[in-house]
Amino acid sequence: MVALAFCALLIGALTFAGVRRAEMSQIGSLAAMAFALPVLRDALPGAPPLGVEADMWVFLWTELAVVLALALAVFQWARAGPSPGER
């Protein structure tokens, strides 16, 4: 989960910095990841109930990182505006 968080933050940061272009498939995959993380957490072997200490150290921060990356990508997409051919 931590690797997913770092990858999502890297994608969001590169998009927000203008190194990469914001694409709808990228935004859709980050949104899907935000909704898939709770399912992934529950699918792990011996998944404890929600609210245990491991959630405070890993799951919560991973979820926040993915949502932050999604927000950065969406802000960059909104800031870029319509492409020149669409005006």
C-alpha atoms as a PDB file:
ATOM      1  CA  MET A   1       0.000   0.000   0.000  1.00  0.00           C
ATOM      2  CA  VAL A   2       2.838   2.364   0.724  1.00  0.00           C
ATOM      3  CA  ALA A   3       4.248   1.780  -2.773  1.00  0.00           C
ATOM      4  CA  LEU A   4       0.840   2.648  -4.243  1.00  0.00           C
ATOM      5  CA  ALA A   5       0.810   5.858  -2.223  1.00  0.00           C
ATOM      6  CA  PHE A   6       4.255   6.882  -3.452  1.00  0.00           C
ATOM      7  CA  CYS A   7       3.349   6.099  -7.061  1.00  0.00           C
ATOM      8  CA  ALA A   8       0.117   8.068  -6.813  1.00  0.00           C
ATOM      9  CA  LEU A   9       1.884  11.048  -5.239  1.00  0.00           C
ATOM     10  CA  LEU A  10       4.551  10.944  -7.938  1.00  0.00           C
ATOM     11  CA  ILE A  11       1.891  10.958 -10.647  1.00  0.00           C
ATOM     12  CA  GLY A  12       0.007  13.814  -8.981  1.00  0.00           C
ATOM     13  CA  ALA A  13       3.140  15.877  -8.358  1.00  0.00           C
ATOM     14  CA  LEU A  14       4.467  15.462 -11.909  1.00  0.00           C
ATOM     15  CA  THR A  15       1.088  16.409 -13.310  1.00  0.00           C
ATOM     16  CA  PHE A  16       0.715  19.427 -11.039  1.00  0.00           C
ATOM     17  CA  ALA A  17       4.250  20.629 -11.814  1.00  0.00           C
ATOM     18  CA  GLY A  18       3.496  20.509 -15.530  1.00  0.00           C
ATOM     19  CA  VAL A  19       6.015  17.776 -16.329  1.00  0.00           C
ATOM     20  CA  ARG A  20       3.199  15.487 -17.460  1.00  0.00           C
ATOM     21  CA  ARG A  21      -0.094  16.389 -19.089  1.00  0.00           C
ATOM     22  CA  ALA A  22      -3.305  15.755 -17.132  1.00  0.00           C
ATOM     23  CA  GLU A  23      -5.345  13.095 -18.931  1.00  0.00           C
ATOM     24  CA  MET A  24      -8.789  11.786 -18.103  1.00  0.00           C
ATOM     25  CA  SER A  25      -7.587   8.168 -17.988  1.00  0.00           C
ATOM     26  CA  GLN A  26      -4.972   9.176 -15.426  1.00  0.00           C
ATOM     27  CA  ILE A  27      -7.552  10.971 -13.293  1.00  0.00           C
ATOM     28  CA  GLY A  28      -9.911   8.009 -13.608  1.00  0.00           C
ATOM     29  CA  SER A  29      -7.245   5.550 -12.505  1.00  0.00           C
ATOM     30  CA  LEU A  30      -6.375   7.659  -9.455  1.00  0.00           C
ATOM     31  CA  ALA A  31     -10.068   7.863  -8.539  1.00  0.00           C
ATOM     32  CA  ALA A  32     -10.413   4.100  -8.973  1.00  0.00           C
ATOM     33  CA  MET A  33      -7.377   3.586  -6.751  1.00  0.00           C
ATOM     34  CA  ALA A  34      -8.962   5.712  -4.018  1.00  0.00           C
ATOM     35  CA  PHE A  35     -12.028   3.470  -4.045  1.00  0.00           C
ATOM     36  CA  ALA A  36     -10.046   0.227  -4.439  1.00  0.00           C
ATOM     37  CA  LEU A  37      -7.764   0.730  -1.439  1.00  0.00           C
ATOM     38  CA  PRO A  38     -10.404  -0.181   1.194  1.00  0.00           C
ATOM     39  CA  VAL A  39     -11.247  -3.313  -0.773  1.00  0.00           C
ATOM     40  CA  LEU A  40      -7.549  -4.192  -1.008  1.00  0.00           C
ATOM     41  CA  ARG A  41      -7.163  -3.670   2.729  1.00  0.00           C
ATOM     42  CA  ASP A  42     -10.064  -6.005   3.467  1.00  0.00           C
ATOM     43  CA  ALA A  43      -8.719  -8.644   1.061  1.00  0.00           C
ATOM     44  CA  LEU A  44      -5.394  -8.972   2.860  1.00  0.00           C
ATOM     45  CA  PRO A  45      -5.002 -12.240   4.784  1.00  0.00           C
ATOM     46  CA  GLY A  46      -6.127 -11.924   8.377  1.00  0.00           C
ATOM     47  CA  ALA A  47      -7.498  -8.413   7.848  1.00  0.00           C
ATOM     48  CA  PRO A  48      -8.213  -6.888  11.258  1.00  0.00           C
ATOM     49  CA  PRO A  49     -11.320  -4.803  11.906  1.00  0.00           C
ATOM     50  CA  LEU A  50     -11.289  -1.140  10.933  1.00  0.00           C
ATOM     51  CA  GLY A  51      -9.675   1.254  13.364  1.00  0.00           C
ATOM     52  CA  VAL A  52      -6.692  -0.800  14.493  1.00  0.00           C
ATOM     53  CA  GLU A  53      -3.305   0.842  14.930  1.00  0.00           C
ATOM     54  CA  ALA A  54      -2.077  -0.395  11.520  1.00  0.00           C
ATOM     55  CA  ASP A  55      -4.813   1.691   9.915  1.00  0.00           C
ATOM     56  CA  MET A  56      -3.453   4.783  11.645  1.00  0.00           C
ATOM     57  CA  TRP A  57       0.093   4.123  10.408  1.00  0.00           C
ATOM     58  CA  VAL A  58      -0.469   2.821   6.871  1.00  0.00           C
ATOM     59  CA  PHE A  59      -3.994   2.737   5.466  1.00  0.00           C
ATOM     60  CA  LEU A  60      -5.109   6.237   6.461  1.00  0.00           C
ATOM     61  CA  TRP A  61      -1.961   7.888   5.083  1.00  0.00           C
ATOM     62  CA  THR A  62      -2.087   5.825   1.898  1.00  0.00           C
ATOM     63  CA  GLU A  63      -5.689   6.837   1.307  1.00  0.00           C
ATOM     64  CA  LEU A  64      -4.876  10.495   1.982  1.00  0.00           C
ATOM     65  CA  ALA A  65      -1.896  10.369  -0.397  1.00  0.00           C
ATOM     66  CA  VAL A  66      -4.010   8.939  -3.208  1.00  0.00           C
ATOM     67  CA  VAL A  67      -6.744  11.524  -2.667  1.00  0.00           C
ATOM     68  CA  LEU A  68      -4.137  14.316  -2.613  1.00  0.00           C
ATOM     69  CA  ALA A  69      -2.640  13.028  -5.870  1.00  0.00           C
ATOM     70  CA  LEU A  70      -6.116  12.922  -7.398  1.00  0.00           C
ATOM     71  CA  ALA A  71      -6.775  16.501  -6.278  1.00  0.00           C
ATOM     72  CA  LEU A  72      -3.466  17.709  -7.726  1.00  0.00           C
ATOM     73  CA  ALA A  73      -4.208  16.065 -11.077  1.00  0.00           C
ATOM     74  CA  VAL A  74      -7.737  17.503 -11.186  1.00  0.00           C
ATOM     75  CA  PHE A  75      -6.511  21.006 -10.276  1.00  0.00           C
ATOM     76  CA  GLN A  76      -3.931  20.871 -13.053  1.00  0.00           C
ATOM     77  CA  TRP A  77      -6.553  19.605 -15.515  1.00  0.00           C
ATOM     78  CA  ALA A  78      -8.890  22.453 -14.531  1.00  0.00           C
ATOM     79  CA  ARG A  79      -6.102  25.024 -14.693  1.00  0.00           C
ATOM     80  CA  ALA A  80      -5.099  23.899 -18.202  1.00  0.00           C
ATOM     81  CA  GLY A  81      -8.598  24.642 -19.512  1.00  0.00           C
ATOM     82  CA  PRO A  82      -9.911  23.491 -22.869  1.00  0.00           C
ATOM     83  CA  SER A  83      -7.447  22.490 -25.552  1.00  0.00           C
ATOM     84  CA  PRO A  84      -6.907  25.061 -28.332  1.00  0.00           C
ATOM     85  CA  GLY A  85      -8.990  23.063 -30.811  1.00  0.00           C
ATOM     86  CA  GLU A  86     -12.056  23.107 -28.521  1.00  0.00           C
ATOM     87  CA  ARG A  87     -12.405  26.905 -28.271  1.00  0.00           C
END
